[in-house]
C-alpha atoms as a PDB file:
ATOM      1  CA  MET A   1       0.000   0.000   0.000  1.00  0.00           C
ATOM      2  CA  ARG A   2       1.403   3.362  -1.012  1.00  0.00           C
ATOM      3  CA  SER A   3       1.147   6.147   1.524  1.00  0.00           C
ATOM      4  CA  SER A   4       0.067   9.573   0.371  1.00  0.00           C
ATOM      5  CA  PRO A   5       1.477  12.801   1.793  1.00  0.00           C
ATOM      6  CA  ARG A   6      -0.463  14.318   4.617  1.00  0.00           C
ATOM      7  CA  VAL A   7      -2.170  17.504   3.515  1.00  0.00           C
ATOM      8  CA  HIS A   8      -2.659  20.023   6.222  1.00  0.00           C
ATOM      9  CA  THR A   9      -4.437  23.372   6.154  1.00  0.00           C
ATOM     10  CA  VAL A  10      -2.322  26.102   7.694  1.00  0.00           C
ATOM     11  CA  PHE A  11      -4.325  28.582   9.706  1.00  0.00           C
ATOM     12  CA  CYS A  12      -2.890  29.468  13.072  1.00  0.00           C
ATOM     13  CA  ASP A  13      -1.586  27.585  16.056  1.00  0.00           C
ATOM     14  CA  THR A  14      -4.442  28.430  18.415  1.00  0.00           C
ATOM     15  CA  PRO A  15      -8.123  28.717  17.489  1.00  0.00           C
ATOM     16  CA  THR A  16      -8.640  32.015  19.309  1.00  0.00           C
ATOM     17  CA  THR A  17      -8.906  34.350  16.327  1.00  0.00           C
ATOM     18  CA  PRO A  18     -12.723  34.043  16.106  1.00  0.00           C
ATOM     19  CA  LEU A  19     -12.930  34.710  19.839  1.00  0.00           C
ATOM     20  CA  LEU A  20     -10.835  37.874  19.479  1.00  0.00           C
ATOM     21  CA  ALA A  21     -12.959  39.048  16.558  1.00  0.00           C
ATOM     22  CA  LEU A  22     -16.170  38.306  18.465  1.00  0.00           C
ATOM     23  CA  TRP A  23     -14.990  40.203  21.563  1.00  0.00           C
ATOM     24  CA  LEU A  24     -13.913  43.267  19.579  1.00  0.00           C
ATOM     25  CA  GLY A  25     -16.983  43.152  17.336  1.00  0.00           C
ATOM     26  CA  ALA A  26     -19.327  42.904  20.318  1.00  0.00           C
ATOM     27  CA  GLY A  27     -17.635  45.856  21.979  1.00  0.00           C
ATOM     28  CA  LEU A  28     -17.734  48.036  18.890  1.00  0.00           C
ATOM     29  CA  GLY A  29     -21.166  46.890  17.737  1.00  0.00           C
ATOM     30  CA  SER A  30     -22.827  47.509  21.076  1.00  0.00           C
ATOM     31  CA  LEU A  31     -20.803  50.656  21.701  1.00  0.00           C
ATOM     32  CA  ASN A  32     -19.754  49.110  25.010  1.00  0.00           C
ATOM     33  CA  GLY A  33     -16.705  51.066  26.123  1.00  0.00           C
ATOM     34  CA  TRP A  34     -15.754  48.508  28.766  1.00  0.00           C
ATOM     35  CA  LEU A  35     -15.382  45.706  26.230  1.00  0.00           C
ATOM     36  CA  VAL A  36     -13.292  47.912  23.968  1.00  0.00           C
ATOM     37  CA  MET A  37     -11.098  49.148  26.831  1.00  0.00           C
ATOM     38  CA  LEU A  38     -10.581  45.634  28.220  1.00  0.00           C
ATOM     39  CA  PHE A  39      -9.755  44.166  24.798  1.00  0.00           C
ATOM     40  CA  PRO A  40      -5.970  44.757  25.153  1.00  0.00           C
ATOM     41  CA  LEU A  41      -5.990  42.931  28.514  1.00  0.00           C
ATOM     42  CA  PHE A  42      -7.896  40.084  26.894  1.00  0.00           C
ATOM     43  CA  VAL A  43      -5.270  39.849  24.128  1.00  0.00           C
ATOM     44  CA  ILE A  44      -2.419  39.907  26.681  1.00  0.00           C
ATOM     45  CA  GLY A  45      -4.104  37.153  28.696  1.00  0.00           C
ATOM     46  CA  LEU A  46      -4.573  34.985  25.616  1.00  0.00           C
ATOM     47  CA  SER A  47      -0.940  35.573  24.595  1.00  0.00           C
ATOM     48  CA  VAL A  48       0.321  34.449  27.993  1.00  0.00           C
ATOM     49  CA  GLU A  49      -1.944  31.393  27.903  1.00  0.00           C
ATOM     50  CA  ALA A  50      -0.787  30.499  24.379  1.00  0.00           C
ATOM     51  CA  ARG A  51       2.903  30.813  25.337  1.00  0.00           C
ATOM     52  CA  LEU A  52       2.405  28.575  28.374  1.00  0.00           C
ATOM     53  CA  GLU A  53       0.556  26.025  26.262  1.00  0.00           C
ATOM     54  CA  GLU A  54       3.318  26.091  23.633  1.00  0.00           C
ATOM     55  CA  ARG A  55       5.962  25.458  26.314  1.00  0.00           C
ATOM     56  CA  LEU A  56       3.944  22.557  27.693  1.00  0.00           C
ATOM     57  CA  LEU A  57       3.519  21.007  24.253  1.00  0.00           C
ATOM     58  CA  GLU A  58       7.203  21.495  23.455  1.00  0.00           C
ATOM     59  CA  SER A  59       8.243  19.830  26.700  1.00  0.00           C
ATOM     60  CA  LYS A  60       5.873  16.937  26.048  1.00  0.00           C
ATOM     61  CA  PHE A  61       6.476  16.373  22.318  1.00  0.00           C
ATOM     62  CA  GLY A  62       9.894  17.991  21.773  1.00  0.00           C
ATOM     63  CA  GLU A  63      11.178  18.166  18.211  1.00  0.00           C
ATOM     64  CA  THR A  64       7.898  16.862  16.768  1.00  0.00           C
ATOM     65  CA  TYR A  65       6.033  19.877  18.135  1.00  0.00           C
ATOM     66  CA  ARG A  66       8.751  22.327  17.047  1.00  0.00           C
ATOM     67  CA  VAL A  67       8.510  21.015  13.474  1.00  0.00           C
ATOM     68  CA  TYR A  68       4.702  21.224  13.613  1.00  0.00           C
ATOM     69  CA  ALA A  69       4.660  24.773  15.003  1.00  0.00           C
ATOM     70  CA  TYR A  70       7.435  26.189  12.807  1.00  0.00           C
ATOM     71  CA  GLY A  71       6.150  29.062  10.681  1.00  0.00           C
ATOM     72  CA  LYS A  72       2.635  29.054  12.143  1.00  0.00           C
ATOM     73  CA  PRO A  73       1.396  32.382  13.394  1.00  0.00           C
ATOM     74  CA  ARG A  74      -0.055  32.474  16.875  1.00  0.00           C
ATOM     75  CA  PHE A  75      -3.284  34.405  16.246  1.00  0.00           C
ATOM     76  CA  ILE A  76      -3.554  35.816  12.733  1.00  0.00           C
ATOM     77  CA  PRO A  77      -4.662  33.082  10.308  1.00  0.00           C
ATOM     78  CA  GLN A  78      -2.478  32.291   7.342  1.00  0.00           C
ATOM     79  CA  LEU A  79      -4.511  30.732   4.571  1.00  0.00           C
ATOM     80  CA  GLY A  80      -2.970  28.062   2.419  1.00  0.00           C
ATOM     81  CA  VAL A  81      -2.334  24.363   2.066  1.00  0.00           C
ATOM     82  CA  ARG A  82       0.965  22.576   2.343  1.00  0.00           C
ATOM     83  CA  ALA A  83       2.027  18.959   2.251  1.00  0.00           C
ATOM     84  CA  LEU A  84       3.843  17.622   5.277  1.00  0.00           C
END
């Protein structure tokens, strides 16, 4: 049996982009100043959480995770398809 290359859609490493867009959109759409003012704190919190998660995954999976995560943005999606 011949194995085919794994095709993998490259978006971003963490699926938080829709959450960020929803938070900012809700704040702007409802003209809620608190949501807009707290948005930077929300982004900082998610960045810290993502960095901690990346360290955990790297310590658990080592080189395999580093190869997987290489070139993937943390929050901003990058559209495209590449073969692994």
